[in-house]
């Protein structure tokens, strides 16, 4: 069965990965260096690594059902399922462990509608969702840490520590008012029955302008339609978030 979509045709790479063919080649080189394409026992893959990566990216980008996506790559539904299960975790972002002394980070939580109710809960978007704590570098807008998914009804201040995103240590981290009591840099709160002085209002304005950068990152990441309705179970939604974060970083660094 011949496929329609293939990485050998560069015109398919940009719409499904967001990467230029050159950046896509760098990603493949990195994956091979990590041993992703090493020989394995059993039957060899029916698709080369290039097409397998493109298949996973296409699944995340379009959120098509596998019975719709598989024929486009000339493979069976079960083969496409195995490719996603095997390769998805290898595309995951490697969490950064060290930061510059003058680094400024931004953290916020985003909700991903998730059909696996064992890890999701109804949240403020009225859907079963998971809460993902994402930390970016304020200067480069690269994702540096993505916490483990928690039920969508978990408050951000609690999710900050429970998700593992707190691993950034003492690096200066900016957050919104929902992170009260976490030690992060949050806006000044207006006293009951009073008003903030002008200098605090100026601080809050600057804080809001900088923190908006993580909202821009979320907007770009949500272009991957699987983050609007994830059908994967278990750790699948975590691998998706990490993989899309890694692809976002490749695009941002290009």
C-alpha atoms as a PDB file:
ATOM      1  CA  UNK A   1       0.000   0.000   0.000  1.00  0.00           C
ATOM      2  CA  UNK A   2       1.628   3.221  -1.159  1.00  0.00           C
ATOM      3  CA  UNK A   3       1.456   6.279   1.054  1.00  0.00           C
ATOM      4  CA  UNK A   4       0.505   9.801   0.062  1.00  0.00           C
ATOM      5  CA  UNK A   5       2.480  11.669   2.717  1.00  0.00           C
ATOM      6  CA  UNK A   6       6.235  11.170   2.947  1.00  0.00           C
ATOM      7  CA  UNK A   7       9.181  13.118   4.348  1.00  0.00           C
ATOM      8  CA  UNK A   8      11.012  12.597   1.054  1.00  0.00           C
ATOM      9  CA  UNK A   9       8.743  15.328  -0.287  1.00  0.00           C
ATOM     10  CA  UNK A  10       9.781  18.459   1.680  1.00  0.00           C
ATOM     11  CA  UNK A  11       6.439  20.191   1.066  1.00  0.00           C
ATOM     12  CA  UNK A  12       4.819  17.843   3.631  1.00  0.00           C
ATOM     13  CA  UNK A  13       7.254  18.690   6.431  1.00  0.00           C
ATOM     14  CA  UNK A  14       6.304  22.299   7.199  1.00  0.00           C
ATOM     15  CA  UNK A  15       2.504  21.891   7.543  1.00  0.00           C
ATOM     16  CA  UNK A  16       2.732  18.853   9.822  1.00  0.00           C
ATOM     17  CA  UNK A  17       5.783  19.667  11.959  1.00  0.00           C
ATOM     18  CA  UNK A  18       6.106  23.449  11.748  1.00  0.00           C
ATOM     19  CA  UNK A  19       9.803  22.870  11.009  1.00  0.00           C
ATOM     20  CA  UNK A  20      11.753  23.795   7.936  1.00  0.00           C
ATOM     21  CA  UNK A  21      13.290  20.806   6.113  1.00  0.00           C
ATOM     22  CA  UNK A  22      16.672  21.865   7.491  1.00  0.00           C
ATOM     23  CA  UNK A  23      15.416  21.936  11.105  1.00  0.00           C
ATOM     24  CA  UNK A  24      13.637  18.635  10.510  1.00  0.00           C
ATOM     25  CA  UNK A  25      16.956  17.159   9.391  1.00  0.00           C
ATOM     26  CA  UNK A  26      18.622  18.420  12.594  1.00  0.00           C
ATOM     27  CA  UNK A  27      15.889  16.785  14.643  1.00  0.00           C
ATOM     28  CA  UNK A  28      16.447  13.467  12.869  1.00  0.00           C
ATOM     29  CA  UNK A  29      20.205  13.722  13.449  1.00  0.00           C
ATOM     30  CA  UNK A  30      19.584  14.314  17.154  1.00  0.00           C
ATOM     31  CA  UNK A  31      17.203  11.354  17.377  1.00  0.00           C
ATOM     32  CA  UNK A  32      19.668   9.035  15.651  1.00  0.00           C
ATOM     33  CA  UNK A  33      22.412  10.213  18.007  1.00  0.00           C
ATOM     34  CA  UNK A  34      20.097   9.283  20.887  1.00  0.00           C
ATOM     35  CA  UNK A  35      19.772   5.774  19.448  1.00  0.00           C
ATOM     36  CA  UNK A  36      16.148   6.031  18.361  1.00  0.00           C
ATOM     37  CA  UNK A  37      16.832   4.336  15.019  1.00  0.00           C
ATOM     38  CA  UNK A  38      19.074   1.592  16.408  1.00  0.00           C
ATOM     39  CA  UNK A  39      18.398  -1.969  15.152  1.00  0.00           C
ATOM     40  CA  UNK A  40      15.873  -3.873  17.240  1.00  0.00           C
ATOM     41  CA  UNK A  41      14.791  -7.500  17.430  1.00  0.00           C
ATOM     42  CA  UNK A  42      11.777  -8.593  15.410  1.00  0.00           C
ATOM     43  CA  UNK A  43      10.370  -7.231  12.193  1.00  0.00           C
ATOM     44  CA  UNK A  44      11.866  -3.955  10.957  1.00  0.00           C
ATOM     45  CA  UNK A  45       9.664  -0.875  10.733  1.00  0.00           C
ATOM     46  CA  UNK A  46       7.780  -0.543   7.472  1.00  0.00           C
ATOM     47  CA  UNK A  47       8.617   3.182   7.377  1.00  0.00           C
ATOM     48  CA  UNK A  48      12.014   4.896   7.663  1.00  0.00           C
ATOM     49  CA  UNK A  49      12.654   7.106  10.681  1.00  0.00           C
ATOM     50  CA  UNK A  50      11.863  10.257   8.673  1.00  0.00           C
ATOM     51  CA  UNK A  51       8.362   9.077   7.842  1.00  0.00           C
ATOM     52  CA  UNK A  52       7.747   7.713  11.343  1.00  0.00           C
ATOM     53  CA  UNK A  53       8.577  11.090  12.884  1.00  0.00           C
ATOM     54  CA  UNK A  54       6.353  12.789  10.314  1.00  0.00           C
ATOM     55  CA  UNK A  55       3.514  10.369  11.099  1.00  0.00           C
ATOM     56  CA  UNK A  56       3.692  11.140  14.828  1.00  0.00           C
ATOM     57  CA  UNK A  57       3.836  14.883  14.135  1.00  0.00           C
ATOM     58  CA  UNK A  58       0.903  14.632  11.720  1.00  0.00           C
ATOM     59  CA  UNK A  59      -1.117  12.783  14.359  1.00  0.00           C
ATOM     60  CA  UNK A  60      -0.408  15.470  16.938  1.00  0.00           C
ATOM     61  CA  UNK A  61      -1.017  18.309  14.479  1.00  0.00           C
ATOM     62  CA  UNK A  62      -4.297  17.064  12.993  1.00  0.00           C
ATOM     63  CA  UNK A  63      -5.657  14.775  15.755  1.00  0.00           C
ATOM     64  CA  UNK A  64      -7.073  12.527  13.047  1.00  0.00           C
ATOM     65  CA  UNK A  65      -8.156   9.050  14.032  1.00  0.00           C
ATOM     66  CA  UNK A  66      -5.570   6.401  13.178  1.00  0.00           C
ATOM     67  CA  UNK A  67      -7.900   4.720  10.701  1.00  0.00           C
ATOM     68  CA  UNK A  68      -7.918   8.045   8.823  1.00  0.00           C
ATOM     69  CA  UNK A  69      -4.204   8.829   9.182  1.00  0.00           C
ATOM     70  CA  UNK A  70      -2.618   5.406   8.571  1.00  0.00           C
ATOM     71  CA  UNK A  71      -3.636   5.058   4.888  1.00  0.00           C
ATOM     72  CA  UNK A  72      -2.044   8.443   4.139  1.00  0.00           C
ATOM     73  CA  UNK A  73       1.327   6.921   5.115  1.00  0.00           C
ATOM     74  CA  UNK A  74       0.643   3.553   3.501  1.00  0.00           C
ATOM     75  CA  UNK A  75       0.563   1.563   6.755  1.00  0.00           C
ATOM     76  CA  UNK A  76      -2.090  -0.264   8.732  1.00  0.00           C
ATOM     77  CA  UNK A  77      -3.908   1.252  11.705  1.00  0.00           C
ATOM     78  CA  UNK A  78      -2.112  -1.106  14.107  1.00  0.00           C
ATOM     79  CA  UNK A  79       1.298  -0.213  12.620  1.00  0.00           C
ATOM     80  CA  UNK A  80       0.564   3.511  13.020  1.00  0.00           C
ATOM     81  CA  UNK A  81      -0.495   2.870  16.613  1.00  0.00           C
ATOM     82  CA  UNK A  82       2.783   1.056  17.362  1.00  0.00           C
ATOM     83  CA  UNK A  83       4.827   3.839  15.763  1.00  0.00           C
ATOM     84  CA  UNK A  84       3.139   6.488  17.923  1.00  0.00           C
ATOM     85  CA  UNK A  85       3.504   4.435  21.104  1.00  0.00           C
ATOM     86  CA  UNK A  86       7.190   3.703  20.436  1.00  0.00           C
ATOM     87  CA  UNK A  87       8.376   7.017  18.995  1.00  0.00           C
ATOM     88  CA  UNK A  88       6.262   9.525  20.938  1.00  0.00           C
ATOM     89  CA  UNK A  89       8.255   9.199  24.195  1.00  0.00           C
ATOM     90  CA  UNK A  90      11.553   9.571  22.270  1.00  0.00           C
ATOM     91  CA  UNK A  91      10.420  12.972  20.956  1.00  0.00           C
ATOM     92  CA  UNK A  92       9.901  14.235  24.508  1.00  0.00           C
ATOM     93  CA  UNK A  93      11.628  17.402  25.673  1.00  0.00           C
ATOM     94  CA  UNK A  94      14.610  16.836  27.941  1.00  0.00           C
ATOM     95  CA  UNK A  95      13.997  18.979  31.000  1.00  0.00           C
ATOM     96  CA  UNK A  96      16.671  21.599  31.611  1.00  0.00           C
ATOM     97  CA  UNK A  97      18.571  21.135  34.868  1.00  0.00           C
ATOM     98  CA  UNK A  98      20.727  24.264  35.045  1.00  0.00           C
ATOM     99  CA  UNK A  99      20.006  27.909  34.296  1.00  0.00           C
ATOM    100  CA  UNK A 100      22.010  31.105  33.906  1.00  0.00           C
ATOM    101  CA  UNK A 101      22.464  33.129  37.071  1.00  0.00           C
ATOM    102  CA  UNK A 102      20.551  36.025  35.506  1.00  0.00           C
ATOM    103  CA  UNK A 103      17.843  33.827  33.954  1.00  0.00           C
ATOM    104  CA  UNK A 104      14.203  34.823  34.363  1.00  0.00           C
ATOM    105  CA  UNK A 105      11.565  32.117  33.942  1.00  0.00           C
ATOM    106  CA  UNK A 106       7.787  32.272  33.568  1.00  0.00           C
ATOM    107  CA  UNK A 107       5.389  29.567  34.727  1.00  0.00           C
ATOM    108  CA  UNK A 108       1.708  29.026  34.104  1.00  0.00           C
ATOM    109  CA  UNK A 109      -0.713  26.147  33.882  1.00  0.00           C
ATOM    110  CA  UNK A 110      -2.702  25.179  30.812  1.00  0.00           C
ATOM    111  CA  UNK A 111      -5.637  22.796  30.544  1.00  0.00           C
ATOM    112  CA  UNK A 112      -5.672  19.979  27.991  1.00  0.00           C
ATOM    113  CA  UNK A 113      -9.059  18.271  27.456  1.00  0.00           C
ATOM    114  CA  UNK A 114      -8.285  14.583  28.070  1.00  0.00           C
ATOM    115  CA  UNK A 115     -10.616  11.624  27.547  1.00  0.00           C
ATOM    116  CA  UNK A 116      -8.844   9.363  30.024  1.00  0.00           C
ATOM    117  CA  UNK A 117     -10.928  10.148  33.112  1.00  0.00           C
ATOM    118  CA  UNK A 118      -8.520   8.236  35.348  1.00  0.00           C
ATOM    119  CA  UNK A 119      -6.058  11.144  35.094  1.00  0.00           C
ATOM    120  CA  UNK A 120      -8.447  14.024  34.319  1.00  0.00           C
ATOM    121  CA  UNK A 121     -11.140  15.906  36.198  1.00  0.00           C
ATOM    122  CA  UNK A 122     -13.782  18.437  35.265  1.00  0.00           C
ATOM    123  CA  UNK A 123     -12.247  21.887  35.367  1.00  0.00           C
ATOM    124  CA  UNK A 124     -13.141  25.510  34.723  1.00  0.00           C
ATOM    125  CA  UNK A 125     -13.488  24.803  30.986  1.00  0.00           C
ATOM    126  CA  UNK A 126     -16.342  22.402  31.907  1.00  0.00           C
ATOM    127  CA  UNK A 127     -14.499  19.454  30.365  1.00  0.00           C
ATOM    128  CA  UNK A 128     -12.451  16.610  31.751  1.00  0.00           C
ATOM    129  CA  UNK A 129      -8.951  18.035  31.498  1.00  0.00           C
ATOM    130  CA  UNK A 130      -5.418  17.712  32.776  1.00  0.00           C
ATOM    131  CA  UNK A 131      -3.434  20.597  34.247  1.00  0.00           C
ATOM    132  CA  UNK A 132       0.054  21.010  32.755  1.00  0.00           C
ATOM    133  CA  UNK A 133       2.555  23.325  34.435  1.00  0.00           C
ATOM    134  CA  UNK A 134       4.847  24.804  31.776  1.00  0.00           C
ATOM    135  CA  UNK A 135       7.961  26.889  32.444  1.00  0.00           C
ATOM    136  CA  UNK A 136       9.593  28.988  29.727  1.00  0.00           C
ATOM    137  CA  UNK A 137      12.694  31.163  29.525  1.00  0.00           C
ATOM    138  CA  UNK A 138      11.478  34.777  29.441  1.00  0.00           C
ATOM    139  CA  UNK A 139      14.223  35.864  27.018  1.00  0.00           C
ATOM    140  CA  UNK A 140      14.229  33.050  24.455  1.00  0.00           C
ATOM    141  CA  UNK A 141      10.615  31.838  24.981  1.00  0.00           C
ATOM    142  CA  UNK A 142      11.903  28.270  24.933  1.00  0.00           C
ATOM    143  CA  UNK A 143      10.097  25.703  27.062  1.00  0.00           C
ATOM    144  CA  UNK A 144      12.517  24.526  29.756  1.00  0.00           C
ATOM    145  CA  UNK A 145      10.306  22.395  32.030  1.00  0.00           C
ATOM    146  CA  UNK A 146       6.930  20.705  31.648  1.00  0.00           C
ATOM    147  CA  UNK A 147       5.449  19.150  34.745  1.00  0.00           C
ATOM    148  CA  UNK A 148       3.567  15.878  34.973  1.00  0.00           C
ATOM    149  CA  UNK A 149      -0.132  16.197  34.138  1.00  0.00           C
ATOM    150  CA  UNK A 150      -2.459  16.541  37.103  1.00  0.00           C
ATOM    151  CA  UNK A 151      -6.269  16.546  37.271  1.00  0.00           C
ATOM    152  CA  UNK A 152      -7.701  19.709  35.760  1.00  0.00           C
ATOM    153  CA  UNK A 153      -9.361  20.819  38.993  1.00  0.00           C
ATOM    154  CA  UNK A 154      -5.980  21.088  40.740  1.00  0.00           C
ATOM    155  CA  UNK A 155      -5.130  24.682  41.672  1.00  0.00           C
ATOM    156  CA  UNK A 156      -1.991  26.085  40.034  1.00  0.00           C
ATOM    157  CA  UNK A 157      -0.313  26.857  43.364  1.00  0.00           C
ATOM    158  CA  UNK A 158      -0.626  23.200  44.354  1.00  0.00           C
ATOM    159  CA  UNK A 159       0.141  21.846  40.893  1.00  0.00           C
ATOM    160  CA  UNK A 160       3.387  23.860  40.884  1.00  0.00           C
ATOM    161  CA  UNK A 161       4.924  21.636  43.537  1.00  0.00           C
ATOM    162  CA  UNK A 162       3.129  18.358  42.793  1.00  0.00           C
ATOM    163  CA  UNK A 163       3.874  18.289  39.059  1.00  0.00           C
ATOM    164  CA  UNK A 164       7.646  18.521  39.430  1.00  0.00           C
ATOM    165  CA  UNK A 165       7.870  21.929  37.737  1.00  0.00           C
ATOM    166  CA  UNK A 166       9.283  23.281  40.993  1.00  0.00           C
ATOM    167  CA  UNK A 167      12.549  21.601  40.006  1.00  0.00           C
ATOM    168  CA  UNK A 168      13.726  24.940  38.575  1.00  0.00           C
ATOM    169  CA  UNK A 169      14.993  25.616  42.083  1.00  0.00           C
ATOM    170  CA  UNK A 170      15.715  29.179  43.134  1.00  0.00           C
ATOM    171  CA  UNK A 171      15.854  30.615  39.620  1.00  0.00           C
ATOM    172  CA  UNK A 172      13.739  33.778  39.474  1.00  0.00           C
ATOM    173  CA  UNK A 173      10.323  32.710  38.223  1.00  0.00           C
ATOM    174  CA  UNK A 174       7.378  34.942  37.342  1.00  0.00           C
ATOM    175  CA  UNK A 175       3.784  33.763  37.809  1.00  0.00           C
ATOM    176  CA  UNK A 176       0.258  35.148  38.030  1.00  0.00           C
ATOM    177  CA  UNK A 177      -1.729  35.790  41.202  1.00  0.00           C
ATOM    178  CA  UNK A 178      -2.862  32.159  41.371  1.00  0.00           C
ATOM    179  CA  UNK A 179       0.559  31.171  42.730  1.00  0.00           C
ATOM    180  CA  UNK A 180       0.159  33.010  46.046  1.00  0.00           C
ATOM    181  CA  UNK A 181       2.294  31.498  48.798  1.00  0.00           C
ATOM    182  CA  UNK A 182       4.682  29.661  46.464  1.00  0.00           C
ATOM    183  CA  UNK A 183       7.553  32.148  46.729  1.00  0.00           C
ATOM    184  CA  UNK A 184       7.315  33.039  43.035  1.00  0.00           C
ATOM    185  CA  UNK A 185       7.243  36.611  41.745  1.00  0.00           C
ATOM    186  CA  UNK A 186       3.534  37.474  41.476  1.00  0.00           C
ATOM    187  CA  UNK A 187       1.680  40.788  41.029  1.00  0.00           C
ATOM    188  CA  UNK A 188       1.124  43.106  43.985  1.00  0.00           C
ATOM    189  CA  UNK A 189      -2.278  42.527  45.578  1.00  0.00           C
ATOM    190  CA  UNK A 190      -4.575  45.455  46.275  1.00  0.00           C
ATOM    191  CA  UNK A 191      -5.243  45.845  49.998  1.00  0.00           C
ATOM    192  CA  UNK A 192      -8.831  45.458  51.179  1.00  0.00           C
ATOM    193  CA  UNK A 193     -10.636  48.766  50.821  1.00  0.00           C
ATOM    194  CA  UNK A 194      -7.553  50.515  49.480  1.00  0.00           C
ATOM    195  CA  UNK A 195      -5.586  51.221  46.329  1.00  0.00           C
ATOM    196  CA  UNK A 196      -2.098  50.305  45.218  1.00  0.00           C
ATOM    197  CA  UNK A 197       0.495  53.082  45.090  1.00  0.00           C
ATOM    198  CA  UNK A 198       1.589  54.199  41.636  1.00  0.00           C
ATOM    199  CA  UNK A 199       4.937  52.369  41.753  1.00  0.00           C
ATOM    200  CA  UNK A 200       3.206  49.050  42.481  1.00  0.00           C
ATOM    201  CA  UNK A 201       0.773  49.638  39.612  1.00  0.00           C
ATOM    202  CA  UNK A 202       3.777  50.229  37.337  1.00  0.00           C
ATOM    203  CA  UNK A 203       5.351  46.982  38.568  1.00  0.00           C
ATOM    204  CA  UNK A 204       2.130  45.087  37.881  1.00  0.00           C
ATOM    205  CA  UNK A 205       1.929  46.539  34.377  1.00  0.00           C
ATOM    206  CA  UNK A 206       5.501  45.452  33.580  1.00  0.00           C
ATOM    207  CA  UNK A 207       4.859  42.052  35.174  1.00  0.00           C
ATOM    208  CA  UNK A 208       1.772  41.533  32.993  1.00  0.00           C
ATOM    209  CA  UNK A 209       3.642  42.449  29.811  1.00  0.00           C
ATOM    210  CA  UNK A 210       6.435  39.955  30.515  1.00  0.00           C
ATOM    211  CA  UNK A 211       4.110  37.178  31.691  1.00  0.00           C
ATOM    212  CA  UNK A 212       2.085  37.481  28.478  1.00  0.00           C
ATOM    213  CA  UNK A 213       4.956  35.708  26.694  1.00  0.00           C
ATOM    214  CA  UNK A 214       3.909  32.343  28.106  1.00  0.00           C
ATOM    215  CA  UNK A 215       0.369  32.913  26.802  1.00  0.00           C
ATOM    216  CA  UNK A 216       1.875  33.395  23.344  1.00  0.00           C
ATOM    217  CA  UNK A 217       3.737  30.090  23.754  1.00  0.00           C
ATOM    218  CA  UNK A 218       0.509  28.329  24.747  1.00  0.00           C
ATOM    219  CA  UNK A 219      -1.246  29.786  21.711  1.00  0.00           C
ATOM    220  CA  UNK A 220       1.437  28.350  19.402  1.00  0.00           C
ATOM    221  CA  UNK A 221       1.420  24.974  21.131  1.00  0.00           C
ATOM    222  CA  UNK A 222      -2.376  24.749  20.924  1.00  0.00           C
ATOM    223  CA  UNK A 223      -2.054  24.891  17.131  1.00  0.00           C
ATOM    224  CA  UNK A 224      -1.389  21.166  17.612  1.00  0.00           C
ATOM    225  CA  UNK A 225      -4.987  19.981  17.684  1.00  0.00           C
ATOM    226  CA  UNK A 226      -4.319  17.016  19.953  1.00  0.00           C
ATOM    227  CA  UNK A 227      -3.973  19.545  22.800  1.00  0.00           C
ATOM    228  CA  UNK A 228      -7.631  20.457  22.235  1.00  0.00           C
ATOM    229  CA  UNK A 229      -8.938  16.905  22.652  1.00  0.00           C
ATOM    230  CA  UNK A 230      -6.421  14.214  23.622  1.00  0.00           C
ATOM    231  CA  UNK A 231      -7.648  10.629  23.160  1.00  0.00           C
ATOM    232  CA  UNK A 232      -4.445   8.989  24.430  1.00  0.00           C
ATOM    233  CA  UNK A 233      -4.464   7.117  27.727  1.00  0.00           C
ATOM    234  CA  UNK A 234      -2.077   7.018  30.666  1.00  0.00           C
ATOM    235  CA  UNK A 235       1.201   8.816  30.030  1.00  0.00           C
ATOM    236  CA  UNK A 236       0.189   9.597  26.446  1.00  0.00           C
ATOM    237  CA  UNK A 237      -0.911  13.169  27.157  1.00  0.00           C
ATOM    238  CA  UNK A 238       2.363  13.818  29.030  1.00  0.00           C
ATOM    239  CA  UNK A 239       4.446  12.537  26.104  1.00  0.00           C
ATOM    240  CA  UNK A 240       2.392  14.688  23.726  1.00  0.00           C
ATOM    241  CA  UNK A 241       2.986  17.849  25.750  1.00  0.00           C
ATOM    242  CA  UNK A 242       6.712  17.121  26.020  1.00  0.00           C
ATOM    243  CA  UNK A 243       7.007  16.289  22.325  1.00  0.00           C
ATOM    244  CA  UNK A 244       5.172  19.413  21.195  1.00  0.00           C
ATOM    245  CA  UNK A 245       7.306  21.491  23.574  1.00  0.00           C
ATOM    246  CA  UNK A 246      10.426  20.058  21.917  1.00  0.00           C
ATOM    247  CA  UNK A 247       9.126  20.829  18.423  1.00  0.00           C
ATOM    248  CA  UNK A 248       8.169  24.330  19.569  1.00  0.00           C
ATOM    249  CA  UNK A 249      11.751  24.847  20.768  1.00  0.00           C
ATOM    250  CA  UNK A 250      13.138  23.711  17.413  1.00  0.00           C
ATOM    251  CA  UNK A 251      10.889  26.210  15.649  1.00  0.00           C
ATOM    252  CA  UNK A 252      11.736  28.993  18.105  1.00  0.00           C
ATOM    253  CA  UNK A 253      15.484  28.393  17.828  1.00  0.00           C
ATOM    254  CA  UNK A 254      15.509  28.246  14.025  1.00  0.00           C
END
